[in-house]
Each structure stands twice: as C-alpha cells, then as structure tokens.
C-alpha atoms as a PDB file:
ATOM      1  CA  MET A   1       6.110 -14.689  -0.199  1.00  0.00           C
ATOM      2  CA  ILE A   2       7.706 -12.375  -2.108  1.00  0.00           C
ATOM      3  CA  ARG A   3       5.359 -10.906  -5.514  1.00  0.00           C
ATOM      4  CA  ARG A   4       6.895  -9.814  -8.351  1.00  0.00           C
ATOM      5  CA  SER A   5       6.862  -8.425 -12.202  1.00  0.00           C
ATOM      6  CA  VAL A   6       8.393 -11.015 -14.182  1.00  0.00           C
ATOM      7  CA  ILE A   7       8.997 -10.856 -17.925  1.00  0.00           C
ATOM      8  CA  THR A   8       7.456 -13.762 -19.790  1.00  0.00           C
ATOM      9  CA  GLY A   9       7.705 -12.385 -23.076  1.00  0.00           C
ATOM     10  CA  THR A  10       9.021  -9.243 -25.664  1.00  0.00           C
ATOM     11  CA  GLY A  11       8.249  -8.219 -29.238  1.00  0.00           C
ATOM     12  CA  SER A  12       9.306  -5.523 -31.529  1.00  0.00           C
ATOM     13  CA  ALA A  13       8.327  -3.995 -34.694  1.00  0.00           C
ATOM     14  CA  LEU A  14       9.850  -1.566 -36.948  1.00  0.00           C
ATOM     15  CA  PRO A  15       8.410   0.566 -39.762  1.00  0.00           C
ATOM     16  CA  LYS A  16       8.802  -1.096 -43.680  1.00  0.00           C
ATOM     17  CA  ARG A  17      11.096   1.664 -44.958  1.00  0.00           C
ATOM     18  CA  ARG A  18      15.091   1.696 -43.796  1.00  0.00           C
ATOM     19  CA  LEU A  19      16.530   5.002 -44.555  1.00  0.00           C
ATOM     20  CA  ASP A  20      20.702   5.439 -44.591  1.00  0.00           C
ATOM     21  CA  ASN A  21      22.688   8.112 -43.316  1.00  0.00           C
ATOM     22  CA  ALA A  22      23.829   8.206 -47.051  1.00  0.00           C
ATOM     23  CA  GLU A  23      20.119   8.658 -48.464  1.00  0.00           C
ATOM     24  CA  LEU A  24      19.519  11.171 -45.114  1.00  0.00           C
ATOM     25  CA  ALA A  25      22.315  13.106 -47.000  1.00  0.00           C
ATOM     26  CA  LYS A  26      20.119  13.721 -50.445  1.00  0.00           C
ATOM     27  CA  MET A  27      17.629  15.306 -48.142  1.00  0.00           C
ATOM     28  CA  VAL A  28      19.426  17.785 -45.600  1.00  0.00           C
ATOM     29  CA  ASP A  29      22.863  19.164 -45.358  1.00  0.00           C
ATOM     30  CA  THR A  30      24.858  16.262 -43.751  1.00  0.00           C
ATOM     31  CA  SER A  31      27.082  13.304 -44.215  1.00  0.00           C
ATOM     32  CA  ASP A  32      27.294   9.916 -43.236  1.00  0.00           C
ATOM     33  CA  GLU A  33      30.581  11.004 -41.805  1.00  0.00           C
ATOM     34  CA  TRP A  34      29.292  13.974 -39.816  1.00  0.00           C
ATOM     35  CA  ILE A  35      26.458  11.352 -38.325  1.00  0.00           C
ATOM     36  CA  VAL A  36      28.824   8.553 -37.692  1.00  0.00           C
ATOM     37  CA  ALA A  37      31.087  10.556 -35.853  1.00  0.00           C
ATOM     38  CA  ARG A  38      28.682  12.366 -33.543  1.00  0.00           C
ATOM     39  CA  THR A  39      26.345   9.515 -33.036  1.00  0.00           C
ATOM     40  CA  GLY A  40      27.677   6.167 -33.959  1.00  0.00           C
ATOM     41  CA  ILE A  41      24.043   6.298 -36.092  1.00  0.00           C
ATOM     42  CA  LEU A  42      24.211   4.078 -39.374  1.00  0.00           C
ATOM     43  CA  SER A  43      20.245   3.963 -40.051  1.00  0.00           C
ATOM     44  CA  ARG A  44      17.067   4.439 -38.867  1.00  0.00           C
ATOM     45  CA  TYR A  45      13.469   3.187 -39.829  1.00  0.00           C
ATOM     46  CA  ILE A  46      10.665   5.862 -41.337  1.00  0.00           C
ATOM     47  CA  ALA A  47       6.908   5.377 -40.751  1.00  0.00           C
ATOM     48  CA  GLY A  48       4.911   5.235 -43.771  1.00  0.00           C
ATOM     49  CA  PRO A  49       1.429   6.375 -44.243  1.00  0.00           C
ATOM     50  CA  ASP A  50      -0.289   3.301 -42.897  1.00  0.00           C
ATOM     51  CA  GLU A  51       1.972   3.090 -40.305  1.00  0.00           C
ATOM     52  CA  THR A  52       1.451   4.812 -36.965  1.00  0.00           C
ATOM     53  CA  THR A  53       2.080   4.306 -33.321  1.00  0.00           C
ATOM     54  CA  SER A  54      -0.583   2.300 -32.773  1.00  0.00           C
ATOM     55  CA  THR A  55      -0.354  -0.141 -35.839  1.00  0.00           C
ATOM     56  CA  LEU A  56       3.791  -0.419 -34.552  1.00  0.00           C
ATOM     57  CA  ALA A  57       2.955  -1.151 -31.073  1.00  0.00           C
ATOM     58  CA  THR A  58       0.223  -3.812 -31.525  1.00  0.00           C
ATOM     59  CA  ALA A  59       3.243  -5.521 -34.108  1.00  0.00           C
ATOM     60  CA  ALA A  60       5.297  -5.452 -31.020  1.00  0.00           C
ATOM     61  CA  ALA A  61       2.544  -6.456 -28.604  1.00  0.00           C
ATOM     62  CA  ARG A  62       1.503  -9.980 -30.378  1.00  0.00           C
ATOM     63  CA  GLU A  63       4.914 -10.553 -31.281  1.00  0.00           C
ATOM     64  CA  ALA A  64       5.493 -10.508 -27.111  1.00  0.00           C
ATOM     65  CA  ILE A  65       2.322 -12.263 -26.390  1.00  0.00           C
ATOM     66  CA  ALA A  66       3.308 -15.042 -28.605  1.00  0.00           C
ATOM     67  CA  ALA A  67       6.623 -15.456 -27.108  1.00  0.00           C
ATOM     68  CA  ALA A  68       5.010 -15.148 -23.680  1.00  0.00           C
ATOM     69  CA  GLY A  69       2.942 -18.077 -25.255  1.00  0.00           C
ATOM     70  CA  ILE A  70      -0.202 -16.896 -23.956  1.00  0.00           C
ATOM     71  CA  GLU A  71      -3.721 -15.480 -25.086  1.00  0.00           C
ATOM     72  CA  ALA A  72      -4.203 -11.656 -25.861  1.00  0.00           C
ATOM     73  CA  SER A  73      -7.155 -12.189 -23.586  1.00  0.00           C
ATOM     74  CA  SER A  74      -5.573 -12.867 -20.589  1.00  0.00           C
ATOM     75  CA  ILE A  75      -4.290  -9.377 -20.849  1.00  0.00           C
ATOM     76  CA  ASP A  76      -5.528  -7.016 -18.254  1.00  0.00           C
ATOM     77  CA  LEU A  77      -3.559  -3.696 -18.116  1.00  0.00           C
ATOM     78  CA  ILE A  78      -1.898  -2.208 -21.051  1.00  0.00           C
ATOM     79  CA  VAL A  79       0.605   0.858 -20.237  1.00  0.00           C
ATOM     80  CA  LEU A  80       2.385   2.109 -23.139  1.00  0.00           C
ATOM     81  CA  GLY A  81       4.923   4.943 -23.014  1.00  0.00           C
ATOM     82  CA  THR A  82       4.691   7.071 -26.234  1.00  0.00           C
ATOM     83  CA  THR A  83       5.344  11.107 -27.488  1.00  0.00           C
ATOM     84  CA  THR A  84       3.368  10.430 -30.974  1.00  0.00           C
ATOM     85  CA  PRO A  85       0.163   9.111 -29.905  1.00  0.00           C
ATOM     86  CA  ASP A  86      -2.454   8.555 -32.948  1.00  0.00           C
ATOM     87  CA  GLN A  87      -4.591  10.615 -31.281  1.00  0.00           C
ATOM     88  CA  THR A  88      -4.700  13.935 -28.732  1.00  0.00           C
ATOM     89  CA  PHE A  89      -7.146  11.087 -27.047  1.00  0.00           C
ATOM     90  CA  PRO A  90      -8.301   8.658 -26.548  1.00  0.00           C
ATOM     91  CA  ALA A  91      -5.210   6.762 -25.410  1.00  0.00           C
ATOM     92  CA  THR A  92      -2.956   4.995 -28.017  1.00  0.00           C
ATOM     93  CA  ALA A  93      -3.330   1.930 -25.735  1.00  0.00           C
ATOM     94  CA  THR A  94      -6.782   1.776 -25.710  1.00  0.00           C
ATOM     95  CA  THR A  95      -6.672   0.948 -30.031  1.00  0.00           C
ATOM     96  CA  VAL A  96      -3.865  -1.039 -29.747  1.00  0.00           C
ATOM     97  CA  GLN A  97      -6.092  -3.037 -26.737  1.00  0.00           C
ATOM     98  CA  ALA A  98      -9.182  -3.111 -29.332  1.00  0.00           C
ATOM     99  CA  ASN A  99      -6.591  -5.004 -32.008  1.00  0.00           C
ATOM    100  CA  LEU A 100      -5.599  -7.229 -29.547  1.00  0.00           C
ATOM    101  CA  GLY A 101      -9.626  -8.020 -28.833  1.00  0.00           C
ATOM    102  CA  CYS A 102      -9.057  -8.081 -24.955  1.00  0.00           C
ATOM    103  CA  ASN A 103     -11.135  -4.661 -24.135  1.00  0.00           C
ATOM    104  CA  GLY A 104     -12.401  -4.537 -20.849  1.00  0.00           C
ATOM    105  CA  GLY A 105      -9.225  -4.040 -18.776  1.00  0.00           C
ATOM    106  CA  ILE A 106      -7.168  -1.205 -17.865  1.00  0.00           C
ATOM    107  CA  ALA A 107      -5.413   0.793 -21.162  1.00  0.00           C
ATOM    108  CA  PHE A 108      -3.411   4.204 -20.922  1.00  0.00           C
ATOM    109  CA  ASP A 109      -0.713   5.818 -22.420  1.00  0.00           C
ATOM    110  CA  VAL A 110       2.359   7.452 -20.433  1.00  0.00           C
ATOM    111  CA  ALA A 111       4.344  10.778 -21.693  1.00  0.00           C
ATOM    112  CA  ALA A 112       7.371  10.823 -20.268  1.00  0.00           C
ATOM    113  CA  VAL A 113       9.620  11.040 -23.601  1.00  0.00           C
ATOM    114  CA  CYS A 114      12.816   9.071 -24.025  1.00  0.00           C
ATOM    115  CA  SER A 115      11.854   7.904 -20.396  1.00  0.00           C
ATOM    116  CA  GLY A 116       8.726   6.926 -21.300  1.00  0.00           C
ATOM    117  CA  PHE A 117       8.268   3.110 -21.214  1.00  0.00           C
ATOM    118  CA  LEU A 118      10.567   3.056 -17.853  1.00  0.00           C
ATOM    119  CA  TYR A 119       7.795   5.128 -16.565  1.00  0.00           C
ATOM    120  CA  ALA A 120       5.155   2.762 -17.791  1.00  0.00           C
ATOM    121  CA  LEU A 121       7.808  -0.416 -16.395  1.00  0.00           C
ATOM    122  CA  GLY A 122       7.516   1.316 -13.567  1.00  0.00           C
ATOM    123  CA  VAL A 123       3.614   2.193 -13.141  1.00  0.00           C
ATOM    124  CA  ALA A 124       3.126  -1.505 -14.372  1.00  0.00           C
ATOM    125  CA  ASP A 125       5.027  -3.063 -11.822  1.00  0.00           C
ATOM    126  CA  SER A 126       3.714  -1.102  -8.795  1.00  0.00           C
ATOM    127  CA  MET A 127      -0.157  -2.540 -10.108  1.00  0.00           C
ATOM    128  CA  LEU A 128       0.725  -6.176 -10.643  1.00  0.00           C
ATOM    129  CA  ARG A 129       2.541  -6.001  -7.472  1.00  0.00           C
ATOM    130  CA  SER A 130      -0.620  -4.651  -5.882  1.00  0.00           C
ATOM    131  CA  GLY A 131      -2.997  -6.925  -7.129  1.00  0.00           C
ATOM    132  CA  MET A 132      -4.702  -4.638  -9.145  1.00  0.00           C
ATOM    133  CA  ALA A 133      -3.944  -6.740 -12.437  1.00  0.00           C
ATOM    134  CA  GLN A 134      -2.277 -10.003 -13.181  1.00  0.00           C
ATOM    135  CA  ARG A 135      -0.819 -10.015 -16.514  1.00  0.00           C
ATOM    136  CA  ALA A 136       0.068  -6.419 -18.471  1.00  0.00           C
ATOM    137  CA  LEU A 137       1.548  -5.509 -21.909  1.00  0.00           C
ATOM    138  CA  VAL A 138       4.141  -2.526 -21.081  1.00  0.00           C
ATOM    139  CA  ILE A 139       4.716  -0.680 -24.823  1.00  0.00           C
ATOM    140  CA  GLY A 140       7.402   1.576 -25.796  1.00  0.00           C
ATOM    141  CA  ALA A 141       6.066   3.025 -29.707  1.00  0.00           C
ATOM    142  CA  GLU A 142       6.667   6.349 -31.476  1.00  0.00           C
ATOM    143  CA  THR A 143       6.407   7.463 -35.014  1.00  0.00           C
ATOM    144  CA  MET A 144       9.186  10.599 -34.202  1.00  0.00           C
ATOM    145  CA  SER A 145       9.826  10.788 -37.581  1.00  0.00           C
ATOM    146  CA  ARG A 146       6.139  12.928 -37.580  1.00  0.00           C
ATOM    147  CA  ILE A 147       7.721  15.585 -35.252  1.00  0.00           C
ATOM    148  CA  LEU A 148      11.071  16.382 -37.018  1.00  0.00           C
ATOM    149  CA  ASP A 149      11.927  19.052 -38.897  1.00  0.00           C
ATOM    150  CA  TRP A 150      13.634  17.446 -41.753  1.00  0.00           C
ATOM    151  CA  GLU A 151      15.543  21.089 -42.260  1.00  0.00           C
ATOM    152  CA  ASP A 152      17.193  20.614 -38.832  1.00  0.00           C
ATOM    153  CA  ARG A 153      20.375  18.462 -39.319  1.00  0.00           C
ATOM    154  CA  GLY A 154      20.695  18.749 -35.779  1.00  0.00           C
ATOM    155  CA  THR A 155      17.759  16.206 -34.850  1.00  0.00           C
ATOM    156  CA  CYS A 156      16.288  14.999 -37.885  1.00  0.00           C
ATOM    157  CA  VAL A 157      19.664  12.694 -38.382  1.00  0.00           C
ATOM    158  CA  LEU A 158      19.026  11.573 -34.693  1.00  0.00           C
ATOM    159  CA  PHE A 159      15.509   9.733 -34.750  1.00  0.00           C
ATOM    160  CA  GLY A 160      13.644   6.960 -36.377  1.00  0.00           C
ATOM    161  CA  ASP A 161      10.704   5.007 -35.745  1.00  0.00           C
ATOM    162  CA  GLY A 162       9.274   1.710 -33.982  1.00  0.00           C
ATOM    163  CA  ALA A 163       7.787  -0.171 -31.032  1.00  0.00           C
ATOM    164  CA  GLY A 164       8.948  -2.244 -28.673  1.00  0.00           C
ATOM    165  CA  ALA A 165       6.821  -4.652 -25.807  1.00  0.00           C
ATOM    166  CA  ILE A 166       6.856  -6.919 -22.864  1.00  0.00           C
ATOM    167  CA  VAL A 167       4.184  -9.344 -21.363  1.00  0.00           C
ATOM    168  CA  LEU A 168       4.857  -8.675 -17.307  1.00  0.00           C
ATOM    169  CA  GLU A 169       3.020 -11.444 -15.105  1.00  0.00           C
ATOM    170  CA  ALA A 170       2.472 -10.937 -11.216  1.00  0.00           C
ATOM    171  CA  GLN A 171       4.646 -14.386  -9.790  1.00  0.00           C
ATOM    172  CA  GLU A 172       4.557 -14.919  -6.392  1.00  0.00           C
ATOM    173  CA  SER A 173       8.345 -16.829  -4.902  1.00  0.00           C
ATOM    174  CA  ASP A 174       9.927 -17.682  -1.398  1.00  0.00           C
ATOM    175  CA  ASP A 175      12.876 -17.357  -3.106  1.00  0.00           C
ATOM    176  CA  PRO A 176      14.666 -13.830  -2.830  1.00  0.00           C
ATOM    177  CA  ALA A 177      16.915 -14.850  -5.966  1.00  0.00           C
ATOM    178  CA  ALA A 178      13.110 -15.275  -7.722  1.00  0.00           C
ATOM    179  CA  ARG A 179      12.921 -13.238 -11.086  1.00  0.00           C
ATOM    180  CA  GLY A 180      11.608 -10.210 -11.797  1.00  0.00           C
ATOM    181  CA  ILE A 181      11.810  -6.642 -11.022  1.00  0.00           C
ATOM    182  CA  LEU A 182      14.221  -5.944  -8.055  1.00  0.00           C
ATOM    183  CA  ALA A 183      13.936  -2.249  -7.968  1.00  0.00           C
ATOM    184  CA  THR A 184      12.801   1.085 -10.165  1.00  0.00           C
ATOM    185  CA  ARG A 185      13.359   4.376  -9.625  1.00  0.00           C
ATOM    186  CA  LEU A 186      12.476   7.173 -11.564  1.00  0.00           C
ATOM    187  CA  HIS A 187      12.762  10.688 -11.168  1.00  0.00           C
ATOM    188  CA  ALA A 188      11.707  14.556 -13.108  1.00  0.00           C
ATOM    189  CA  ASP A 189      13.440  17.859 -13.335  1.00  0.00           C
ATOM    190  CA  GLY A 190      11.006  20.607 -15.354  1.00  0.00           C
ATOM    191  CA  ALA A 191      13.429  23.228 -14.716  1.00  0.00           C
ATOM    192  CA  HIS A 192      14.855  21.941 -18.161  1.00  0.00           C
ATOM    193  CA  ASN A 193      11.734  22.043 -20.612  1.00  0.00           C
ATOM    194  CA  GLU A 194      13.762  24.558 -23.020  1.00  0.00           C
ATOM    195  CA  MET A 195      16.620  22.418 -23.917  1.00  0.00           C
ATOM    196  CA  LEU A 196      14.431  19.520 -25.509  1.00  0.00           C
ATOM    197  CA  PHE A 197      10.950  19.404 -26.006  1.00  0.00           C
ATOM    198  CA  VAL A 198       8.617  20.041 -28.887  1.00  0.00           C
ATOM    199  CA  ASP A 199       7.640  23.532 -29.741  1.00  0.00           C
ATOM    200  CA  GLY A 200       3.531  22.943 -29.975  1.00  0.00           C
ATOM    201  CA  GLY A 201       0.883  21.424 -28.812  1.00  0.00           C
ATOM    202  CA  PRO A 202      -3.161  20.984 -28.084  1.00  0.00           C
ATOM    203  CA  SER A 203      -3.382  24.198 -24.948  1.00  0.00           C
ATOM    204  CA  THR A 204      -1.089  26.290 -26.630  1.00  0.00           C
ATOM    205  CA  THR A 205      -0.279  26.546 -30.755  1.00  0.00           C
ATOM    206  CA  GLY A 206      -3.186  24.346 -31.361  1.00  0.00           C
ATOM    207  CA  THR A 207      -0.684  22.077 -33.447  1.00  0.00           C
ATOM    208  CA  VAL A 208       1.529  18.944 -33.437  1.00  0.00           C
ATOM    209  CA  GLY A 209       5.150  21.462 -33.321  1.00  0.00           C
ATOM    210  CA  LYS A 210       8.191  19.875 -34.142  1.00  0.00           C
ATOM    211  CA  LEU A 211      11.209  18.804 -32.153  1.00  0.00           C
ATOM    212  CA  ARG A 212      13.842  21.074 -30.653  1.00  0.00           C
ATOM    213  CA  MET A 213      16.581  20.282 -29.179  1.00  0.00           C
ATOM    214  CA  ARG A 214      19.697  21.552 -27.359  1.00  0.00           C
ATOM    215  CA  GLY A 215      22.781  18.571 -28.432  1.00  0.00           C
ATOM    216  CA  LYS A 216      25.656  19.662 -26.103  1.00  0.00           C
ATOM    217  CA  GLU A 217      23.204  20.656 -22.922  1.00  0.00           C
ATOM    218  CA  VAL A 218      21.657  17.440 -23.077  1.00  0.00           C
ATOM    219  CA  PHE A 219      24.669  15.426 -23.599  1.00  0.00           C
ATOM    220  CA  LYS A 220      25.877  16.706 -20.193  1.00  0.00           C
ATOM    221  CA  HIS A 221      22.533  16.047 -18.459  1.00  0.00           C
ATOM    222  CA  ALA A 222      22.690  12.603 -19.559  1.00  0.00           C
ATOM    223  CA  VAL A 223      25.678  11.252 -18.077  1.00  0.00           C
ATOM    224  CA  THR A 224      25.353  12.456 -15.083  1.00  0.00           C
ATOM    225  CA  ASN A 225      21.547  11.765 -14.493  1.00  0.00           C
ATOM    226  CA  LEU A 226      21.812   8.830 -15.959  1.00  0.00           C
ATOM    227  CA  SER A 227      25.245   7.400 -13.955  1.00  0.00           C
ATOM    228  CA  ASP A 228      23.388   8.909 -10.927  1.00  0.00           C
ATOM    229  CA  VAL A 229      19.872   6.896 -10.926  1.00  0.00           C
ATOM    230  CA  LEU A 230      21.666   3.249 -12.262  1.00  0.00           C
ATOM    231  CA  ARG A 231      23.679   4.110  -8.746  1.00  0.00           C
ATOM    232  CA  GLU A 232      21.053   4.940  -6.807  1.00  0.00           C
ATOM    233  CA  VAL A 233      18.987   1.583  -8.051  1.00  0.00           C
ATOM    234  CA  LEU A 234      22.365  -0.632  -8.058  1.00  0.00           C
ATOM    235  CA  GLU A 235      22.437   0.623  -4.001  1.00  0.00           C
ATOM    236  CA  LEU A 236      18.927  -0.075  -3.846  1.00  0.00           C
ATOM    237  CA  SER A 237      19.169  -3.819  -4.306  1.00  0.00           C
ATOM    238  CA  GLY A 238      22.314  -4.404  -3.151  1.00  0.00           C
ATOM    239  CA  VAL A 239      24.062  -5.418  -6.194  1.00  0.00           C
ATOM    240  CA  SER A 240      27.565  -4.396  -7.431  1.00  0.00           C
ATOM    241  CA  ALA A 241      28.172  -3.166 -11.319  1.00  0.00           C
ATOM    242  CA  SER A 242      30.205  -5.761 -11.639  1.00  0.00           C
ATOM    243  CA  GLU A 243      27.473  -8.595 -10.989  1.00  0.00           C
ATOM    244  CA  LEU A 244      25.539  -7.069 -13.943  1.00  0.00           C
ATOM    245  CA  ASP A 245      25.180  -9.193 -17.071  1.00  0.00           C
ATOM    246  CA  TRP A 246      24.123  -6.490 -19.377  1.00  0.00           C
ATOM    247  CA  VAL A 247      22.906  -3.347 -19.189  1.00  0.00           C
ATOM    248  CA  VAL A 248      20.280  -2.294 -21.846  1.00  0.00           C
ATOM    249  CA  PRO A 249      20.194   1.911 -22.215  1.00  0.00           C
ATOM    250  CA  HIS A 250      18.107   4.396 -24.048  1.00  0.00           C
ATOM    251  CA  GLN A 251      19.716   4.711 -27.346  1.00  0.00           C
ATOM    252  CA  ALA A 252      20.213   8.352 -27.833  1.00  0.00           C
ATOM    253  CA  ASN A 253      24.018   8.067 -28.920  1.00  0.00           C
ATOM    254  CA  ALA A 254      26.586   6.307 -28.880  1.00  0.00           C
ATOM    255  CA  ARG A 255      28.890   9.150 -26.897  1.00  0.00           C
ATOM    256  CA  ILE A 256      26.125   9.257 -24.061  1.00  0.00           C
ATOM    257  CA  LEU A 257      26.291   5.155 -23.822  1.00  0.00           C
ATOM    258  CA  ASP A 258      30.172   5.243 -24.010  1.00  0.00           C
ATOM    259  CA  ALA A 259      30.424   7.727 -21.061  1.00  0.00           C
ATOM    260  CA  THR A 260      27.518   6.886 -19.027  1.00  0.00           C
ATOM    261  CA  ALA A 261      29.478   3.158 -19.071  1.00  0.00           C
ATOM    262  CA  ARG A 262      33.074   4.201 -18.398  1.00  0.00           C
ATOM    263  CA  LYS A 263      31.481   6.943 -15.440  1.00  0.00           C
ATOM    264  CA  LEU A 264      30.443   3.681 -14.168  1.00  0.00           C
ATOM    265  CA  GLY A 265      33.436   1.359 -14.654  1.00  0.00           C
ATOM    266  CA  LEU A 266      31.397  -0.912 -16.924  1.00  0.00           C
ATOM    267  CA  PRO A 267      32.850  -2.765 -20.290  1.00  0.00           C
ATOM    268  CA  MET A 268      31.055  -2.008 -22.989  1.00  0.00           C
ATOM    269  CA  GLU A 269      30.620  -5.563 -24.170  1.00  0.00           C
ATOM    270  CA  LYS A 270      27.909  -4.928 -21.041  1.00  0.00           C
ATOM    271  CA  VAL A 271      26.218  -2.836 -23.144  1.00  0.00           C
ATOM    272  CA  ILE A 272      23.124  -3.258 -25.192  1.00  0.00           C
ATOM    273  CA  VAL A 273      23.733  -1.237 -28.255  1.00  0.00           C
ATOM    274  CA  THR A 274      21.631  -0.762 -31.284  1.00  0.00           C
ATOM    275  CA  VAL A 275      21.102   2.627 -31.698  1.00  0.00           C
ATOM    276  CA  ASP A 276      23.743   2.145 -35.085  1.00  0.00           C
ATOM    277  CA  ARG A 277      20.431   0.384 -36.769  1.00  0.00           C
ATOM    278  CA  HIS A 278      17.753   2.180 -35.194  1.00  0.00           C
ATOM    279  CA  ALA A 279      18.742   5.054 -34.100  1.00  0.00           C
ATOM    280  CA  ASN A 280      16.847   7.403 -31.191  1.00  0.00           C
ATOM    281  CA  THR A 281      13.300   5.843 -30.988  1.00  0.00           C
ATOM    282  CA  SER A 282      12.713   7.553 -28.010  1.00  0.00           C
ATOM    283  CA  ALA A 283      10.178   5.220 -25.544  1.00  0.00           C
ATOM    284  CA  ALA A 284      10.759   2.124 -27.825  1.00  0.00           C
ATOM    285  CA  SER A 285      14.646   2.340 -27.911  1.00  0.00           C
ATOM    286  CA  VAL A 286      14.862   0.249 -24.178  1.00  0.00           C
ATOM    287  CA  PRO A 287      12.296  -2.463 -25.370  1.00  0.00           C
ATOM    288  CA  LEU A 288      13.543  -2.648 -28.831  1.00  0.00           C
ATOM    289  CA  ALA A 289      17.127  -3.094 -27.406  1.00  0.00           C
ATOM    290  CA  LEU A 290      15.768  -5.526 -24.915  1.00  0.00           C
ATOM    291  CA  ASP A 291      13.840  -7.684 -27.298  1.00  0.00           C
ATOM    292  CA  ALA A 292      16.894  -8.117 -29.608  1.00  0.00           C
ATOM    293  CA  ALA A 293      19.354  -9.483 -27.476  1.00  0.00           C
ATOM    294  CA  VAL A 294      17.101 -11.587 -26.295  1.00  0.00           C
ATOM    295  CA  ARG A 295      16.114 -13.228 -29.695  1.00  0.00           C
ATOM    296  CA  ASP A 296      20.010 -13.057 -30.707  1.00  0.00           C
ATOM    297  CA  GLY A 297      20.723 -15.099 -27.616  1.00  0.00           C
ATOM    298  CA  ARG A 298      23.253 -12.820 -25.546  1.00  0.00           C
ATOM    299  CA  ILE A 299      20.310 -11.937 -22.695  1.00  0.00           C
ATOM    300  CA  LYS A 300      19.059 -15.315 -21.180  1.00  0.00           C
ATOM    301  CA  PRO A 301      16.321 -16.270 -17.805  1.00  0.00           C
ATOM    302  CA  GLY A 302      18.244 -15.518 -14.976  1.00  0.00           C
ATOM    303  CA  GLN A 303      20.127 -12.670 -15.671  1.00  0.00           C
ATOM    304  CA  LEU A 304      20.372  -9.360 -13.943  1.00  0.00           C
ATOM    305  CA  VAL A 305      19.909  -6.584 -16.465  1.00  0.00           C
ATOM    306  CA  MET A 306      19.582  -3.077 -15.922  1.00  0.00           C
ATOM    307  CA  LEU A 307      17.201  -0.689 -17.790  1.00  0.00           C
ATOM    308  CA  GLU A 308      17.997   2.863 -17.903  1.00  0.00           C
ATOM    309  CA  ALA A 309      16.488   5.931 -19.955  1.00  0.00           C
ATOM    310  CA  MET A 310      16.471  10.183 -20.150  1.00  0.00           C
ATOM    311  CA  GLY A 311      14.469  11.535 -21.811  1.00  0.00           C
ATOM    312  CA  GLY A 312      13.162  15.310 -22.417  1.00  0.00           C
ATOM    313  CA  GLY A 313      11.489  17.256 -19.281  1.00  0.00           C
ATOM    314  CA  PHE A 314      13.863  16.227 -18.027  1.00  0.00           C
ATOM    315  CA  THR A 315      12.601  12.629 -17.142  1.00  0.00           C
ATOM    316  CA  TRP A 316      14.942   9.831 -16.048  1.00  0.00           C
ATOM    317  CA  GLY A 317      14.977   6.137 -14.144  1.00  0.00           C
ATOM    318  CA  ALA A 318      16.118   3.088 -14.038  1.00  0.00           C
ATOM    319  CA  SER A 319      15.045  -0.043 -13.623  1.00  0.00           C
ATOM    320  CA  LEU A 320      16.848  -3.192 -12.043  1.00  0.00           C
ATOM    321  CA  LEU A 321      15.609  -6.800 -13.358  1.00  0.00           C
ATOM    322  CA  ARG A 322      16.172 -10.757 -13.128  1.00  0.00           C
ATOM    323  CA  MET A 323      15.248 -12.104 -16.280  1.00  0.00           C
END
C-alpha cells in the first residue's frame, strides 16, 4: 500500500481593502503604467487595523475545512508558513488552532518567506506519511504591508496581504496513480541574505524592520533556481513537463512567471496567474492561486499540478501532486 498526502479542500482569504495602482500612485512616486510594465500587477489587498495574519489564516482555514467537508476538531496538525507572525511568540499557528477549536494537536510556524507554503507542505507531508498525524491544515498567510517601506517604490508596489490554506489528509492506496503529493524538493542558500531581507529583528535591532530588495539580482536567481528545481522534481517523479496539467507558481512578478515557463518549454496557458490582482503575498501566494483555480474549475481532481516558489534566504522549492 502507498500512503500519500491528499489535498481534500482549499480555501483563501483577502483583506477588505483593495488598493489599485492609481490609488497607490497618490501615495508614492509611481504610476500604473510603470508598475504594470515591470510587474504585471494591477492591484493588491492591504490589511486593516482589525485584520492580522492569524485572522486571515483562520478565515482561509475555515474555507478549506468547509470544502473538505470535515469538522475542525479532526485536524491534528497545523503548519503555517509566514514571514509576518502576529507575535514573536507563540507561533501564529497556535492562535489559528485556538480560533478553530482544535486544540491539543501539533501547531507551529515555518519561516521561509515566499517559499513558506512549500516548506510547510513538505513538513506536513513528511509528518502525515510517517503516521505522526492523520489530517493537517497547511497555511500560507501574510500581512506584508506591515513591513513595507511605503516610500520605497521599488518594493512597496510589489506586495500585498492575504492567506491561503489546504486540508491535507493521509490516504492509503495500492494504485501508483493515486491522488496525493508525488515528490517535493526544497533548497536554501544563505549566501544571498543581502539581496532580499528585512533590516530588523528581535535579536539584532529589537525592531520589526522593513523589507529591502535588489530586484534585478533576485530576478536572475529566481528564474534559474525555479527552473532547476522544477526539472529536479519532474525527474524524481518520472513525469515530463508536457504531462503537467497546471503549474501554480509563487506570484512574485509576471516577468518571472513568463521567463520560468519559457525556460521549461511550458505554455503560459498552463500557468495559473493571480499576481495581477493579488500582487506578491509571499507565503500566501501559492495557496491563494491554487484555491482560485480550484474554485473556478480550472484545476480538477486527477490532474497533475506543480507548485513552486522562491523567497528570501534564498529559499526555493517545488512539489508535484495529483489533485
């Protein structure tokens, strides 16, 4: 028998406030034309005072639980990828756990920036396959607006807030083509800290800090690292790129999505794109895009779907699954 982690439900949540490029241009020296030409972003959502990473994560989790048709009390593992936790400690996952009323199981955060959801997925998959848990919530949730320098047009135009979640359940089957996660590969290279980082932290400055980025350098590393890890996962699983039904990438920049697809010989028609309306929501972007495509009917049960992301650290990874 094969024990695999199967996605049984997806969900997402966005803040109430939508900020389009025209409104943003009144706040910082930029324009809709400049933002669209360089990023493909039209709008993003910004969390209000009553909206936090945990409230967005909880809302997305409730949607995923409802889609899976289960009770929250049956969740025995919560892994939450985030760069913007509610508090330094405890983990925001424990706040979500309390909100859902499924206390007593395992709950913790994973910090891998934009790769946070992929890292959380890899950890949860390992724990489910080992038998440590049976049913998990894997969440990516961010309030990136809290750590942006709103006078830096090179970064503040790129990011938004939101959350996405999946219910992941261990299932056994004797069918090699059964649903579930087929292969995952994760990487990190700490030599590039200065290219994408936050200039603060509890142990250094005692402050939250602001996001800093060297955009051109990050772009080059992203295209190379993502295309390499996608090939690695395809080779590991014995699947060719042409067999993929969909690729759900981290929604960083429309140009990165296009360049990565071209490097792999994938048509953009197979790439799920939400960066235009959500911007870069860091760890939330992959599950947000996945939920959007599941709910509009593009992603269907039985299809082969590749998830991929790269973030500060650098961290990057990909996961191939059969929905």
